[in-house]
N, C-alpha and C. Protein backbone atom coordinates (compact mmCIF):
# COMPACT_ATOMS: atom_id res chain seq x y z
N UNK A 1 -0.96 -23.11 8.12
CA UNK A 1 -1.15 -24.39 7.49
C UNK A 1 -1.87 -24.20 6.15
N UNK A 2 -1.26 -24.64 5.08
CA UNK A 2 -1.85 -24.50 3.75
C UNK A 2 -2.73 -25.69 3.41
N UNK A 3 -3.87 -25.39 2.80
CA UNK A 3 -4.76 -26.45 2.34
C UNK A 3 -4.48 -26.70 0.86
N UNK A 4 -4.27 -27.93 0.51
CA UNK A 4 -4.01 -28.26 -0.89
C UNK A 4 -5.33 -28.31 -1.64
N UNK A 5 -5.29 -27.76 -2.87
CA UNK A 5 -6.49 -27.76 -3.71
C UNK A 5 -6.62 -29.08 -4.46
N UNK A 6 -7.85 -29.49 -4.64
CA UNK A 6 -8.09 -30.70 -5.43
C UNK A 6 -8.22 -30.30 -6.91
N UNK A 7 -8.17 -31.28 -7.78
CA UNK A 7 -8.32 -31.04 -9.21
C UNK A 7 -9.70 -30.44 -9.50
N UNK A 8 -10.72 -30.91 -8.80
CA UNK A 8 -12.08 -30.40 -9.00
C UNK A 8 -12.17 -28.92 -8.62
N UNK A 9 -11.51 -28.53 -7.53
CA UNK A 9 -11.52 -27.13 -7.11
C UNK A 9 -10.79 -26.25 -8.12
N UNK A 10 -9.68 -26.74 -8.65
CA UNK A 10 -8.95 -25.97 -9.67
C UNK A 10 -9.77 -25.83 -10.95
N UNK A 11 -10.43 -26.90 -11.36
CA UNK A 11 -11.22 -26.85 -12.59
C UNK A 11 -12.46 -25.96 -12.44
N UNK A 12 -12.93 -25.75 -11.23
CA UNK A 12 -14.11 -24.92 -11.03
C UNK A 12 -13.78 -23.43 -11.05
N UNK A 13 -12.52 -23.07 -11.04
CA UNK A 13 -12.13 -21.66 -11.06
C UNK A 13 -12.39 -21.06 -12.44
N UNK A 14 -12.78 -19.78 -12.45
CA UNK A 14 -13.08 -19.09 -13.70
C UNK A 14 -12.13 -17.91 -13.86
N UNK A 15 -11.55 -17.76 -15.02
CA UNK A 15 -10.60 -16.68 -15.29
C UNK A 15 -11.13 -15.85 -16.45
N UNK A 16 -11.00 -14.54 -16.34
CA UNK A 16 -11.44 -13.65 -17.40
C UNK A 16 -10.35 -12.62 -17.66
N UNK A 17 -10.03 -12.41 -18.91
CA UNK A 17 -9.00 -11.44 -19.27
C UNK A 17 -9.54 -10.02 -19.19
N UNK A 18 -8.68 -9.10 -18.75
CA UNK A 18 -9.05 -7.69 -18.71
C UNK A 18 -8.81 -7.05 -20.07
N UNK A 19 -9.51 -5.96 -20.41
CA UNK A 19 -9.23 -5.25 -21.66
C UNK A 19 -7.82 -4.66 -21.63
N UNK A 20 -7.33 -4.27 -22.77
CA UNK A 20 -5.99 -3.69 -22.83
C UNK A 20 -5.93 -2.38 -22.06
N UNK A 21 -4.73 -1.94 -21.73
CA UNK A 21 -4.56 -0.69 -20.97
C UNK A 21 -5.15 0.50 -21.71
N UNK A 22 -4.99 0.54 -23.03
CA UNK A 22 -5.51 1.65 -23.80
C UNK A 22 -7.03 1.74 -23.68
N UNK A 23 -7.69 0.60 -23.72
CA UNK A 23 -9.15 0.57 -23.59
C UNK A 23 -9.57 1.05 -22.22
N UNK A 24 -8.89 0.58 -21.18
CA UNK A 24 -9.22 1.00 -19.83
C UNK A 24 -8.98 2.50 -19.63
N UNK A 25 -7.91 3.02 -20.22
CA UNK A 25 -7.59 4.44 -20.07
C UNK A 25 -8.63 5.32 -20.74
N UNK A 26 -9.04 4.97 -21.96
CA UNK A 26 -9.99 5.80 -22.69
C UNK A 26 -11.41 5.63 -22.16
N UNK A 27 -11.69 4.50 -21.54
CA UNK A 27 -13.04 4.23 -21.06
C UNK A 27 -13.34 4.96 -19.75
N UNK A 28 -12.33 5.15 -18.92
CA UNK A 28 -12.59 5.79 -17.62
C UNK A 28 -12.02 7.20 -17.62
N UNK A 29 -12.86 8.17 -17.79
CA UNK A 29 -12.43 9.58 -17.82
C UNK A 29 -12.93 10.31 -16.59
N UNK A 30 -12.93 9.63 -15.45
CA UNK A 30 -13.39 10.21 -14.20
C UNK A 30 -12.17 10.73 -13.44
N UNK A 31 -11.98 12.03 -13.43
CA UNK A 31 -10.82 12.65 -12.78
C UNK A 31 -11.29 13.42 -11.56
N UNK A 32 -10.47 13.47 -10.54
CA UNK A 32 -10.80 14.22 -9.33
C UNK A 32 -9.58 15.01 -8.89
N UNK A 33 -9.82 16.21 -8.45
CA UNK A 33 -8.77 17.05 -7.89
C UNK A 33 -8.89 16.98 -6.37
N UNK A 34 -7.82 16.51 -5.71
CA UNK A 34 -7.83 16.36 -4.27
C UNK A 34 -6.76 17.27 -3.68
N UNK A 35 -7.17 18.08 -2.70
CA UNK A 35 -6.24 18.96 -2.00
C UNK A 35 -6.40 18.68 -0.51
N UNK A 36 -5.30 18.37 0.16
CA UNK A 36 -5.34 18.10 1.60
C UNK A 36 -4.38 19.04 2.31
N UNK A 37 -4.79 19.48 3.49
CA UNK A 37 -3.97 20.41 4.26
C UNK A 37 -4.06 20.05 5.74
N UNK A 38 -2.93 19.95 6.41
CA UNK A 38 -2.86 19.76 7.85
C UNK A 38 -2.12 20.95 8.44
N UNK A 39 -2.72 21.61 9.42
CA UNK A 39 -2.06 22.74 10.06
C UNK A 39 -2.13 22.58 11.57
N UNK A 40 -1.04 22.94 12.23
CA UNK A 40 -0.98 22.88 13.68
C UNK A 40 0.05 23.89 14.15
N UNK A 41 -0.21 24.51 15.30
CA UNK A 41 0.71 25.52 15.83
C UNK A 41 0.80 25.37 17.34
N UNK A 42 2.02 25.36 17.86
CA UNK A 42 2.23 25.30 19.31
C UNK A 42 3.31 26.32 19.66
N UNK A 43 3.17 26.95 20.81
CA UNK A 43 4.13 27.96 21.25
C UNK A 43 4.52 27.67 22.70
N UNK A 44 5.81 27.53 22.92
CA UNK A 44 6.33 27.34 24.26
C UNK A 44 7.18 28.56 24.57
N UNK A 45 6.80 29.33 25.57
CA UNK A 45 7.46 30.61 25.86
C UNK A 45 8.86 30.43 26.46
N UNK A 46 9.23 29.23 26.81
CA UNK A 46 10.58 29.00 27.31
C UNK A 46 10.75 29.20 28.79
N UNK A 47 9.69 29.34 29.53
CA UNK A 47 9.80 29.48 30.98
C UNK A 47 9.93 28.10 31.62
N UNK A 48 10.34 28.06 32.87
CA UNK A 48 10.53 26.79 33.56
C UNK A 48 9.20 26.07 33.73
N UNK A 49 9.24 24.77 33.53
CA UNK A 49 8.09 23.87 33.68
C UNK A 49 6.90 24.27 32.81
N UNK A 50 7.15 24.92 31.71
CA UNK A 50 6.05 25.29 30.82
C UNK A 50 5.78 24.14 29.85
N UNK A 51 4.59 24.14 29.30
CA UNK A 51 4.24 23.12 28.31
C UNK A 51 3.48 23.79 27.17
N UNK A 52 3.52 23.14 26.03
CA UNK A 52 2.80 23.66 24.87
C UNK A 52 1.94 22.55 24.31
N UNK A 53 0.72 22.86 23.99
CA UNK A 53 -0.21 21.90 23.38
C UNK A 53 -0.58 22.38 21.99
N UNK A 54 -0.90 21.42 21.15
CA UNK A 54 -1.30 21.77 19.79
C UNK A 54 -2.44 20.87 19.35
N UNK A 55 -3.40 21.44 18.66
CA UNK A 55 -4.49 20.68 18.06
C UNK A 55 -4.40 20.84 16.55
N UNK A 56 -4.44 19.74 15.84
CA UNK A 56 -4.31 19.79 14.39
C UNK A 56 -5.68 19.89 13.74
N UNK A 57 -5.75 20.64 12.69
CA UNK A 57 -6.96 20.79 11.88
C UNK A 57 -6.66 20.22 10.51
N UNK A 58 -7.50 19.32 10.04
CA UNK A 58 -7.29 18.71 8.73
C UNK A 58 -8.43 19.08 7.81
N UNK A 59 -8.07 19.52 6.61
CA UNK A 59 -9.06 19.89 5.61
C UNK A 59 -8.77 19.10 4.33
N UNK A 60 -9.80 18.47 3.78
CA UNK A 60 -9.65 17.73 2.53
C UNK A 60 -10.76 18.20 1.59
N UNK A 61 -10.38 18.66 0.41
CA UNK A 61 -11.34 19.11 -0.60
C UNK A 61 -11.23 18.20 -1.83
N UNK A 62 -12.36 17.72 -2.32
CA UNK A 62 -12.38 16.90 -3.51
C UNK A 62 -13.33 17.55 -4.50
N UNK A 63 -12.83 17.82 -5.71
CA UNK A 63 -13.67 18.39 -6.76
C UNK A 63 -13.68 17.43 -7.94
N UNK A 64 -14.87 17.09 -8.39
CA UNK A 64 -15.00 16.17 -9.53
C UNK A 64 -15.82 16.80 -10.62
């Protein structure tokens, strides 16, 4: 169910323009190198009623 806005509610809203893309690009020079790795290994020998389990290890490195 949508609520209709009144004129007073609309007039109370405040809008502000963002700087241009070039300004935002040159102003924020915070870069990060992110490397993520997921590894998991399971071996099923192929015998009758055998099962294989695997546990995953996740590594995430962030350098700034």
